[in-house]
Amino acid sequence: MAATPKRKPGAGSDPDAKLTEAIRSRVLAKRLQLRSVSEQEGTQDWTQEDVAERAEISTTTYERIEQGRTLPNIRILAKIAEAFDCQVSDLVP
């Protein structure tokens, strides 16, 4: 279940780089939104480790997605969407 590796930074014409950045941005925003809600409720939840565990992927894989270092495949995106209780379309442009 490995994510597709991102090409070297600086490949401006690389369409994967734009997609990777868009997914990174949306995944991070969703986690931070959920974390904010959980903090208001008095719980410390929705760390990178929490999301990875709920999505049944490695923490390293999730961190790389959130850092924009890798482009996740559809299977991993589906697992993350399920962990966030949202649709895959909420995570991709």
PDB file of N, CA and C in Angstrom:
ATOM      1  N   MET A   1       0.813  -1.173   0.000  1.00  0.00           N
ATOM      2  CA  MET A   1       0.000   0.000   0.000  1.00  0.00           C
ATOM      3  C   MET A   1       0.866   1.249   0.000  1.00  0.00           C
ATOM      4  N   ALA A   2       1.936   1.243  -0.740  1.00  0.00           N
ATOM      5  CA  ALA A   2       2.832   2.389  -0.772  1.00  0.00           C
ATOM      6  C   ALA A   2       2.242   3.497  -1.635  1.00  0.00           C
ATOM      7  N   ALA A   3       2.511   4.708  -1.231  1.00  0.00           N
ATOM      8  CA  ALA A   3       2.061   5.862  -1.987  1.00  0.00           C
ATOM      9  C   ALA A   3       3.022   6.076  -3.151  1.00  0.00           C
ATOM     10  N   THR A   4       2.520   6.679  -4.213  1.00  0.00           N
ATOM     11  CA  THR A   4       3.341   6.980  -5.359  1.00  0.00           C
ATOM     12  C   THR A   4       4.322   8.077  -4.978  1.00  0.00           C
ATOM     13  N   PRO A   5       5.636   7.866  -5.209  1.00  0.00           N
ATOM     14  CA  PRO A   5       6.596   8.887  -4.800  1.00  0.00           C
ATOM     15  C   PRO A   5       6.479  10.141  -5.650  1.00  0.00           C
ATOM     16  N   LYS A   6       6.714  11.271  -5.014  1.00  0.00           N
ATOM     17  CA  LYS A   6       6.692  12.551  -5.702  1.00  0.00           C
ATOM     18  C   LYS A   6       8.013  12.751  -6.402  1.00  0.00           C
ATOM     19  N   ARG A   7       7.965  13.386  -7.558  1.00  0.00           N
ATOM     20  CA  ARG A   7       9.206  13.686  -8.268  1.00  0.00           C
ATOM     21  C   ARG A   7       9.957  14.780  -7.545  1.00  0.00           C
ATOM     22  N   LYS A   8      11.189  15.003  -7.975  1.00  0.00           N
ATOM     23  CA  LYS A   8      12.040  15.984  -7.318  1.00  0.00           C
ATOM     24  C   LYS A   8      11.396  17.359  -7.305  1.00  0.00           C
ATOM     25  N   PRO A   9      11.564  18.092  -6.194  1.00  0.00           N
ATOM     26  CA  PRO A   9      11.042  19.450  -6.127  1.00  0.00           C
ATOM     27  C   PRO A   9      11.666  20.306  -7.222  1.00  0.00           C
ATOM     28  N   GLY A  10      10.908  21.301  -7.662  1.00  0.00           N
ATOM     29  CA  GLY A  10      11.406  22.190  -8.691  1.00  0.00           C
ATOM     30  C   GLY A  10      10.975  21.786 -10.086  1.00  0.00           C
ATOM     31  N   ALA A  11      10.294  20.657 -10.204  1.00  0.00           N
ATOM     32  CA  ALA A  11       9.792  20.239 -11.510  1.00  0.00           C
ATOM     33  C   ALA A  11       8.481  20.978 -11.750  1.00  0.00           C
ATOM     34  N   GLY A  12       8.590  22.270 -12.090  1.00  0.00           N
ATOM     35  CA  GLY A  12       7.439  23.153 -12.199  1.00  0.00           C
ATOM     36  C   GLY A  12       6.377  22.686 -13.177  1.00  0.00           C
ATOM     37  N   SER A  13       6.779  21.978 -14.211  1.00  0.00           N
ATOM     38  CA  SER A  13       5.805  21.530 -15.196  1.00  0.00           C
ATOM     39  C   SER A  13       5.215  20.172 -14.838  1.00  0.00           C
ATOM     40  N   ASP A  14       5.574  19.649 -13.700  1.00  0.00           N
ATOM     41  CA  ASP A  14       5.116  18.342 -13.254  1.00  0.00           C
ATOM     42  C   ASP A  14       3.687  18.437 -12.740  1.00  0.00           C
ATOM     43  N   PRO A  15       2.706  17.864 -13.451  1.00  0.00           N
ATOM     44  CA  PRO A  15       1.325  17.931 -12.971  1.00  0.00           C
ATOM     45  C   PRO A  15       1.128  17.206 -11.644  1.00  0.00           C
ATOM     46  N   ASP A  16       1.941  16.187 -11.372  1.00  0.00           N
ATOM     47  CA  ASP A  16       1.849  15.483 -10.092  1.00  0.00           C
ATOM     48  C   ASP A  16       2.187  16.406  -8.932  1.00  0.00           C
ATOM     49  N   ALA A  17       3.102  17.336  -9.143  1.00  0.00           N
ATOM     50  CA  ALA A  17       3.499  18.254  -8.070  1.00  0.00           C
ATOM     51  C   ALA A  17       2.320  19.139  -7.675  1.00  0.00           C
ATOM     52  N   LYS A  18       1.569  19.612  -8.645  1.00  0.00           N
ATOM     53  CA  LYS A  18       0.404  20.458  -8.345  1.00  0.00           C
ATOM     54  C   LYS A  18      -0.676  19.658  -7.632  1.00  0.00           C
ATOM     55  N   LEU A  19      -0.904  18.439  -8.072  1.00  0.00           N
ATOM     56  CA  LEU A  19      -1.903  17.579  -7.446  1.00  0.00           C
ATOM     57  C   LEU A  19      -1.469  17.216  -6.029  1.00  0.00           C
ATOM     58  N   THR A  20      -0.201  16.889  -5.856  1.00  0.00           N
ATOM     59  CA  THR A  20       0.324  16.555  -4.533  1.00  0.00           C
ATOM     60  C   THR A  20       0.124  17.723  -3.576  1.00  0.00           C
ATOM     61  N   GLU A  21       0.419  18.929  -4.028  1.00  0.00           N
ATOM     62  CA  GLU A  21       0.270  20.114  -3.177  1.00  0.00           C
ATOM     63  C   GLU A  21      -1.200  20.359  -2.841  1.00  0.00           C
ATOM     64  N   ALA A  22      -2.086  20.184  -3.792  1.00  0.00           N
ATOM     65  CA  ALA A  22      -3.513  20.393  -3.540  1.00  0.00           C
ATOM     66  C   ALA A  22      -4.045  19.383  -2.525  1.00  0.00           C
ATOM     67  N   ILE A  23      -3.659  18.133  -2.672  1.00  0.00           N
ATOM     68  CA  ILE A  23      -4.096  17.093  -1.729  1.00  0.00           C
ATOM     69  C   ILE A  23      -3.496  17.364  -0.354  1.00  0.00           C
ATOM     70  N   ARG A  24      -2.210  17.712  -0.304  1.00  0.00           N
ATOM     71  CA  ARG A  24      -1.547  18.020   0.964  1.00  0.00           C
ATOM     72  C   ARG A  24      -2.301  19.117   1.706  1.00  0.00           C
ATOM     73  N   SER A  25      -2.632  20.146   0.985  1.00  0.00           N
ATOM     74  CA  SER A  25      -3.325  21.281   1.583  1.00  0.00           C
ATOM     75  C   SER A  25      -4.693  20.889   2.137  1.00  0.00           C
ATOM     76  N   ARG A  26      -5.442  20.114   1.387  1.00  0.00           N
ATOM     77  CA  ARG A  26      -6.788  19.721   1.820  1.00  0.00           C
ATOM     78  C   ARG A  26      -6.765  18.736   2.975  1.00  0.00           C
ATOM     79  N   VAL A  27      -5.827  17.787   2.936  1.00  0.00           N
ATOM     80  CA  VAL A  27      -5.720  16.801   4.021  1.00  0.00           C
ATOM     81  C   VAL A  27      -5.327  17.506   5.315  1.00  0.00           C
ATOM     82  N   LEU A  28      -4.341  18.389   5.233  1.00  0.00           N
ATOM     83  CA  LEU A  28      -3.901  19.119   6.419  1.00  0.00           C
ATOM     84  C   LEU A  28      -5.033  19.992   6.967  1.00  0.00           C
ATOM     85  N   ALA A  29      -5.725  20.698   6.090  1.00  0.00           N
ATOM     86  CA  ALA A  29      -6.824  21.569   6.538  1.00  0.00           C
ATOM     87  C   ALA A  29      -7.918  20.766   7.226  1.00  0.00           C
ATOM     88  N   LYS A  30      -8.248  19.599   6.689  1.00  0.00           N
ATOM     89  CA  LYS A  30      -9.292  18.765   7.285  1.00  0.00           C
ATOM     90  C   LYS A  30      -8.869  18.292   8.672  1.00  0.00           C
ATOM     91  N   ARG A  31      -7.613  17.850   8.807  1.00  0.00           N
ATOM     92  CA  ARG A  31      -7.150  17.373  10.115  1.00  0.00           C
ATOM     93  C   ARG A  31      -7.146  18.520  11.122  1.00  0.00           C
ATOM     94  N   LEU A  32      -6.668  19.686  10.716  1.00  0.00           N
ATOM     95  CA  LEU A  32      -6.625  20.812  11.636  1.00  0.00           C
ATOM     96  C   LEU A  32      -8.025  21.269  12.034  1.00  0.00           C
ATOM     97  N   GLN A  33      -8.962  21.180  11.109  1.00  0.00           N
ATOM     98  CA  GLN A  33     -10.353  21.520  11.424  1.00  0.00           C
ATOM     99  C   GLN A  33     -10.900  20.563  12.474  1.00  0.00           C
ATOM    100  N   LEU A  34     -10.697  19.275  12.287  1.00  0.00           N
ATOM    101  CA  LEU A  34     -11.180  18.276  13.240  1.00  0.00           C
ATOM    102  C   LEU A  34     -10.458  18.402  14.583  1.00  0.00           C
ATOM    103  N   ARG A  35      -9.176  18.720  14.532  1.00  0.00           N
ATOM    104  CA  ARG A  35      -8.419  18.882  15.774  1.00  0.00           C
ATOM    105  C   ARG A  35      -8.933  20.083  16.562  1.00  0.00           C
ATOM    106  N   SER A  36      -9.266  21.151  15.875  1.00  0.00           N
ATOM    107  CA  SER A  36      -9.797  22.344  16.534  1.00  0.00           C
ATOM    108  C   SER A  36     -11.099  22.028  17.258  1.00  0.00           C
ATOM    109  N   VAL A  37     -11.961  21.270  16.593  1.00  0.00           N
ATOM    110  CA  VAL A  37     -13.229  20.876  17.212  1.00  0.00           C
ATOM    111  C   VAL A  37     -12.970  20.016  18.435  1.00  0.00           C
ATOM    112  N   SER A  38     -12.062  19.067  18.327  1.00  0.00           N
ATOM    113  CA  SER A  38     -11.794  18.187  19.470  1.00  0.00           C
ATOM    114  C   SER A  38     -11.183  18.960  20.635  1.00  0.00           C
ATOM    115  N   GLU A  39     -10.353  19.949  20.347  1.00  0.00           N
ATOM    116  CA  GLU A  39      -9.781  20.763  21.430  1.00  0.00           C
ATOM    117  C   GLU A  39     -10.863  21.577  22.121  1.00  0.00           C
ATOM    118  N   GLN A  40     -11.835  22.082  21.370  1.00  0.00           N
ATOM    119  CA  GLN A  40     -12.947  22.824  21.964  1.00  0.00           C
ATOM    120  C   GLN A  40     -13.780  21.919  22.864  1.00  0.00           C
ATOM    121  N   GLU A  41     -13.806  20.649  22.533  1.00  0.00           N
ATOM    122  CA  GLU A  41     -14.549  19.677  23.334  1.00  0.00           C
ATOM    123  C   GLU A  41     -13.717  19.152  24.502  1.00  0.00           C
ATOM    124  N   GLY A  42     -12.478  19.619  24.600  1.00  0.00           N
ATOM    125  CA  GLY A  42     -11.632  19.228  25.717  1.00  0.00           C
ATOM    126  C   GLY A  42     -10.861  17.942  25.515  1.00  0.00           C
ATOM    127  N   THR A  43     -10.772  17.477  24.294  1.00  0.00           N
ATOM    128  CA  THR A  43      -9.990  16.269  24.023  1.00  0.00           C
ATOM    129  C   THR A  43      -8.806  16.627  23.136  1.00  0.00           C
ATOM    130  N   GLN A  44      -7.740  15.883  23.294  1.00  0.00           N
ATOM    131  CA  GLN A  44      -6.572  16.047  22.425  1.00  0.00           C
ATOM    132  C   GLN A  44      -6.634  14.915  21.408  1.00  0.00           C
ATOM    133  N   ASP A  45      -7.057  15.228  20.233  1.00  0.00           N
ATOM    134  CA  ASP A  45      -7.290  14.208  19.220  1.00  0.00           C
ATOM    135  C   ASP A  45      -6.854  14.734  17.861  1.00  0.00           C
ATOM    136  N   TRP A  46      -6.793  13.860  16.910  1.00  0.00           N
ATOM    137  CA  TRP A  46      -6.499  14.185  15.518  1.00  0.00           C
ATOM    138  C   TRP A  46      -5.056  14.620  15.287  1.00  0.00           C
ATOM    139  N   THR A  47      -4.129  13.958  15.961  1.00  0.00           N
ATOM    140  CA  THR A  47      -2.723  14.130  15.630  1.00  0.00           C
ATOM    141  C   THR A  47      -2.459  13.338  14.348  1.00  0.00           C
ATOM    142  N   GLN A  48      -1.290  13.505  13.782  1.00  0.00           N
ATOM    143  CA  GLN A  48      -0.933  12.711  12.603  1.00  0.00           C
ATOM    144  C   GLN A  48      -1.005  11.220  12.929  1.00  0.00           C
ATOM    145  N   GLU A  49      -0.575  10.866  14.109  1.00  0.00           N
ATOM    146  CA  GLU A  49      -0.609   9.462  14.521  1.00  0.00           C
ATOM    147  C   GLU A  49      -2.043   8.948  14.623  1.00  0.00           C
ATOM    148  N   ASP A  50      -2.947   9.786  15.145  1.00  0.00           N
ATOM    149  CA  ASP A  50      -4.359   9.405  15.247  1.00  0.00           C
ATOM    150  C   ASP A  50      -4.948   9.123  13.868  1.00  0.00           C
ATOM    151  N   VAL A  51      -4.684  10.024  12.930  1.00  0.00           N
ATOM    152  CA  VAL A  51      -5.234   9.861  11.577  1.00  0.00           C
ATOM    153  C   VAL A  51      -4.670   8.601  10.936  1.00  0.00           C
ATOM    154  N   ALA A  52      -3.366   8.418  11.048  1.00  0.00           N
ATOM    155  CA  ALA A  52      -2.738   7.234  10.456  1.00  0.00           C
ATOM    156  C   ALA A  52      -3.329   5.953  11.027  1.00  0.00           C
ATOM    157  N   GLU A  53      -3.519   5.926  12.343  1.00  0.00           N
ATOM    158  CA  GLU A  53      -4.099   4.736  12.979  1.00  0.00           C
ATOM    159  C   GLU A  53      -5.524   4.496  12.486  1.00  0.00           C
ATOM    160  N   ARG A  54      -6.333   5.547  12.444  1.00  0.00           N
ATOM    161  CA  ARG A  54      -7.722   5.401  11.978  1.00  0.00           C
ATOM    162  C   ARG A  54      -7.793   4.999  10.518  1.00  0.00           C
ATOM    163  N   ALA A  55      -6.835   5.485   9.719  1.00  0.00           N
ATOM    164  CA  ALA A  55      -6.821   5.157   8.289  1.00  0.00           C
ATOM    165  C   ALA A  55      -6.126   3.830   8.012  1.00  0.00           C
ATOM    166  N   GLU A  56      -5.536   3.244   9.043  1.00  0.00           N
ATOM    167  CA  GLU A  56      -4.811   1.980   8.917  1.00  0.00           C
ATOM    168  C   GLU A  56      -3.678   2.088   7.894  1.00  0.00           C
ATOM    169  N   ILE A  57      -2.926   3.196   8.018  1.00  0.00           N
ATOM    170  CA  ILE A  57      -1.716   3.397   7.222  1.00  0.00           C
ATOM    171  C   ILE A  57      -0.606   3.767   8.198  1.00  0.00           C
ATOM    172  N   SER A  58       0.618   3.720   7.730  1.00  0.00           N
ATOM    173  CA  SER A  58       1.719   4.062   8.631  1.00  0.00           C
ATOM    174  C   SER A  58       1.744   5.568   8.889  1.00  0.00           C
ATOM    175  N   THR A  59       2.247   5.919  10.049  1.00  0.00           N
ATOM    176  CA  THR A  59       2.390   7.326  10.389  1.00  0.00           C
ATOM    177  C   THR A  59       3.315   8.009   9.394  1.00  0.00           C
ATOM    178  N   THR A  60       4.367   7.328   8.989  1.00  0.00           N
ATOM    179  CA  THR A  60       5.308   7.893   8.020  1.00  0.00           C
ATOM    180  C   THR A  60       4.614   8.222   6.702  1.00  0.00           C
ATOM    181  N   THR A  61       3.775   7.321   6.230  1.00  0.00           N
ATOM    182  CA  THR A  61       3.048   7.571   4.981  1.00  0.00           C
ATOM    183  C   THR A  61       2.149   8.785   5.126  1.00  0.00           C
ATOM    184  N   TYR A  62       1.415   8.855   6.232  1.00  0.00           N
ATOM    185  CA  TYR A  62       0.530  10.001   6.432  1.00  0.00           C
ATOM    186  C   TYR A  62       1.334  11.299   6.531  1.00  0.00           C
ATOM    187  N   GLU A  63       2.431  11.278   7.273  1.00  0.00           N
ATOM    188  CA  GLU A  63       3.271  12.473   7.396  1.00  0.00           C
ATOM    189  C   GLU A  63       3.759  12.940   6.031  1.00  0.00           C
ATOM    190  N   ARG A  64       4.190  12.010   5.195  1.00  0.00           N
ATOM    191  CA  ARG A  64       4.689  12.367   3.852  1.00  0.00           C
ATOM    192  C   ARG A  64       3.587  12.983   3.003  1.00  0.00           C
ATOM    193  N   ILE A  65       2.368  12.489   3.140  1.00  0.00           N
ATOM    194  CA  ILE A  65       1.243  13.067   2.396  1.00  0.00           C
ATOM    195  C   ILE A  65       1.003  14.492   2.870  1.00  0.00           C
ATOM    196  N   GLU A  66       0.974  14.674   4.184  1.00  0.00           N
ATOM    197  CA  GLU A  66       0.700  15.987   4.749  1.00  0.00           C
ATOM    198  C   GLU A  66       1.829  16.979   4.466  1.00  0.00           C
ATOM    199  N   GLN A  67       3.023  16.483   4.300  1.00  0.00           N
ATOM    200  CA  GLN A  67       4.170  17.337   3.986  1.00  0.00           C
ATOM    201  C   GLN A  67       4.304  17.597   2.490  1.00  0.00           C
ATOM    202  N   GLY A  68       3.482  16.915   1.686  1.00  0.00           N
ATOM    203  CA  GLY A  68       3.561  17.083   0.243  1.00  0.00           C
ATOM    204  C   GLY A  68       4.737  16.365  -0.391  1.00  0.00           C
ATOM    205  N   ARG A  69       5.258  15.370   0.299  1.00  0.00           N
ATOM    206  CA  ARG A  69       6.413  14.620  -0.201  1.00  0.00           C
ATOM    207  C   ARG A  69       6.021  13.403  -1.014  1.00  0.00           C
ATOM    208  N   THR A  70       4.735  13.056  -1.016  1.00  0.00           N
ATOM    209  CA  THR A  70       4.289  11.892  -1.768  1.00  0.00           C
ATOM    210  C   THR A  70       2.865  12.113  -2.254  1.00  0.00           C
ATOM    211  N   LEU A  71       2.548  11.518  -3.372  1.00  0.00           N
ATOM    212  CA  LEU A  71       1.204  11.561  -3.936  1.00  0.00           C
ATOM    213  C   LEU A  71       0.517  10.240  -3.592  1.00  0.00           C
ATOM    214  N   PRO A  72      -0.505  10.275  -2.748  1.00  0.00           N
ATOM    215  CA  PRO A  72      -1.144   9.015  -2.342  1.00  0.00           C
ATOM    216  C   PRO A  72      -1.959   8.401  -3.471  1.00  0.00           C
ATOM    217  N   ASN A  73      -2.021   7.077  -3.472  1.00  0.00           N
ATOM    218  CA  ASN A  73      -2.875   6.410  -4.454  1.00  0.00           C
ATOM    219  C   ASN A  73      -4.326   6.452  -3.964  1.00  0.00           C
ATOM    220  N   ILE A  74      -5.228   6.033  -4.801  1.00  0.00           N
ATOM    221  CA  ILE A  74      -6.662   6.147  -4.491  1.00  0.00           C
ATOM    222  C   ILE A  74      -7.041   5.314  -3.280  1.00  0.00           C
ATOM    223  N   ARG A  75      -6.416   4.187  -3.081  1.00  0.00           N
ATOM    224  CA  ARG A  75      -6.719   3.330  -1.930  1.00  0.00           C
ATOM    225  C   ARG A  75      -6.384   4.053  -0.619  1.00  0.00           C
ATOM    226  N   ILE A  76      -5.230   4.708  -0.579  1.00  0.00           N
ATOM    227  CA  ILE A  76      -4.838   5.441   0.622  1.00  0.00           C
ATOM    228  C   ILE A  76      -5.728   6.655   0.828  1.00  0.00           C
ATOM    229  N   LEU A  77      -6.053   7.357  -0.261  1.00  0.00           N
ATOM    230  CA  LEU A  77      -6.967   8.498  -0.142  1.00  0.00           C
ATOM    231  C   LEU A  77      -8.317   8.055   0.409  1.00  0.00           C
ATOM    232  N   ALA A  78      -8.792   6.909  -0.037  1.00  0.00           N
ATOM    233  CA  ALA A  78     -10.078   6.389   0.456  1.00  0.00           C
ATOM    234  C   ALA A  78     -10.001   6.087   1.949  1.00  0.00           C
ATOM    235  N   LYS A  79      -8.880   5.538   2.404  1.00  0.00           N
ATOM    236  CA  LYS A  79      -8.717   5.243   3.826  1.00  0.00           C
ATOM    237  C   LYS A  79      -8.682   6.527   4.660  1.00  0.00           C
ATOM    238  N   ILE A  80      -7.987   7.545   4.147  1.00  0.00           N
ATOM    239  CA  ILE A  80      -7.921   8.820   4.856  1.00  0.00           C
ATOM    240  C   ILE A  80      -9.299   9.470   4.894  1.00  0.00           C
ATOM    241  N   ALA A  81     -10.006   9.436   3.773  1.00  0.00           N
ATOM    242  CA  ALA A  81     -11.358   9.999   3.723  1.00  0.00           C
ATOM    243  C   ALA A  81     -12.268   9.296   4.726  1.00  0.00           C
ATOM    244  N   GLU A  82     -12.153   7.991   4.819  1.00  0.00           N
ATOM    245  CA  GLU A  82     -12.967   7.249   5.784  1.00  0.00           C
ATOM    246  C   GLU A  82     -12.620   7.657   7.215  1.00  0.00           C
ATOM    247  N   ALA A  83     -11.330   7.829   7.480  1.00  0.00           N
ATOM    248  CA  ALA A  83     -10.911   8.251   8.822  1.00  0.00           C
ATOM    249  C   ALA A  83     -11.476   9.628   9.159  1.00  0.00           C
ATOM    250  N   PHE A  84     -11.554  10.505   8.157  1.00  0.00           N
ATOM    251  CA  PHE A  84     -12.089  11.851   8.355  1.00  0.00           C
ATOM    252  C   PHE A  84     -13.615  11.899   8.242  1.00  0.00           C
ATOM    253  N   ASP A  85     -14.228  10.766   7.899  1.00  0.00           N
ATOM    254  CA  ASP A  85     -15.673  10.701   7.690  1.00  0.00           C
ATOM    255  C   ASP A  85     -16.110  11.712   6.624  1.00  0.00           C
ATOM    256  N   CYS A  86     -15.398  11.660   5.494  1.00  0.00           N
ATOM    257  CA  CYS A  86     -15.728  12.531   4.373  1.00  0.00           C
ATOM    258  C   CYS A  86     -15.567  11.742   3.077  1.00  0.00           C
ATOM    259  N   GLN A  87     -15.805  12.378   1.969  1.00  0.00           N
ATOM    260  CA  GLN A  87     -15.662  11.758   0.655  1.00  0.00           C
ATOM    261  C   GLN A  87     -14.250  12.001   0.120  1.00  0.00           C
ATOM    262  N   VAL A  88     -13.771  11.098  -0.722  1.00  0.00           N
ATOM    263  CA  VAL A  88     -12.480  11.301  -1.368  1.00  0.00           C
ATOM    264  C   VAL A  88     -12.492  12.624  -2.135  1.00  0.00           C
ATOM    265  N   SER A  89     -13.618  12.957  -2.725  1.00  0.00           N
ATOM    266  CA  SER A  89     -13.711  14.204  -3.502  1.00  0.00           C
ATOM    267  C   SER A  89     -13.485  15.442  -2.641  1.00  0.00           C
ATOM    268  N   ASP A  90     -13.641  15.313  -1.323  1.00  0.00           N
ATOM    269  CA  ASP A  90     -13.329  16.436  -0.426  1.00  0.00           C
ATOM    270  C   ASP A  90     -11.822  16.656  -0.281  1.00  0.00           C
ATOM    271  N   LEU A  91     -11.034  15.661  -0.652  1.00  0.00           N
ATOM    272  CA  LEU A  91      -9.588  15.727  -0.463  1.00  0.00           C
ATOM    273  C   LEU A  91      -8.817  15.984  -1.744  1.00  0.00           C
ATOM    274  N   VAL A  92      -9.478  15.906  -2.879  1.00  0.00           N
ATOM    275  CA  VAL A  92      -8.795  16.136  -4.160  1.00  0.00           C
ATOM    276  C   VAL A  92      -9.453  17.292  -4.899  1.00  0.00           C
ATOM    277  N   PRO A  93      -8.665  17.994  -5.717  1.00  0.00           N
ATOM    278  CA  PRO A  93      -9.242  19.117  -6.473  1.00  0.00           C
ATOM    279  C   PRO A  93     -10.144  18.652  -7.592  1.00  0.00           C
TER     280      PRO A  93
END
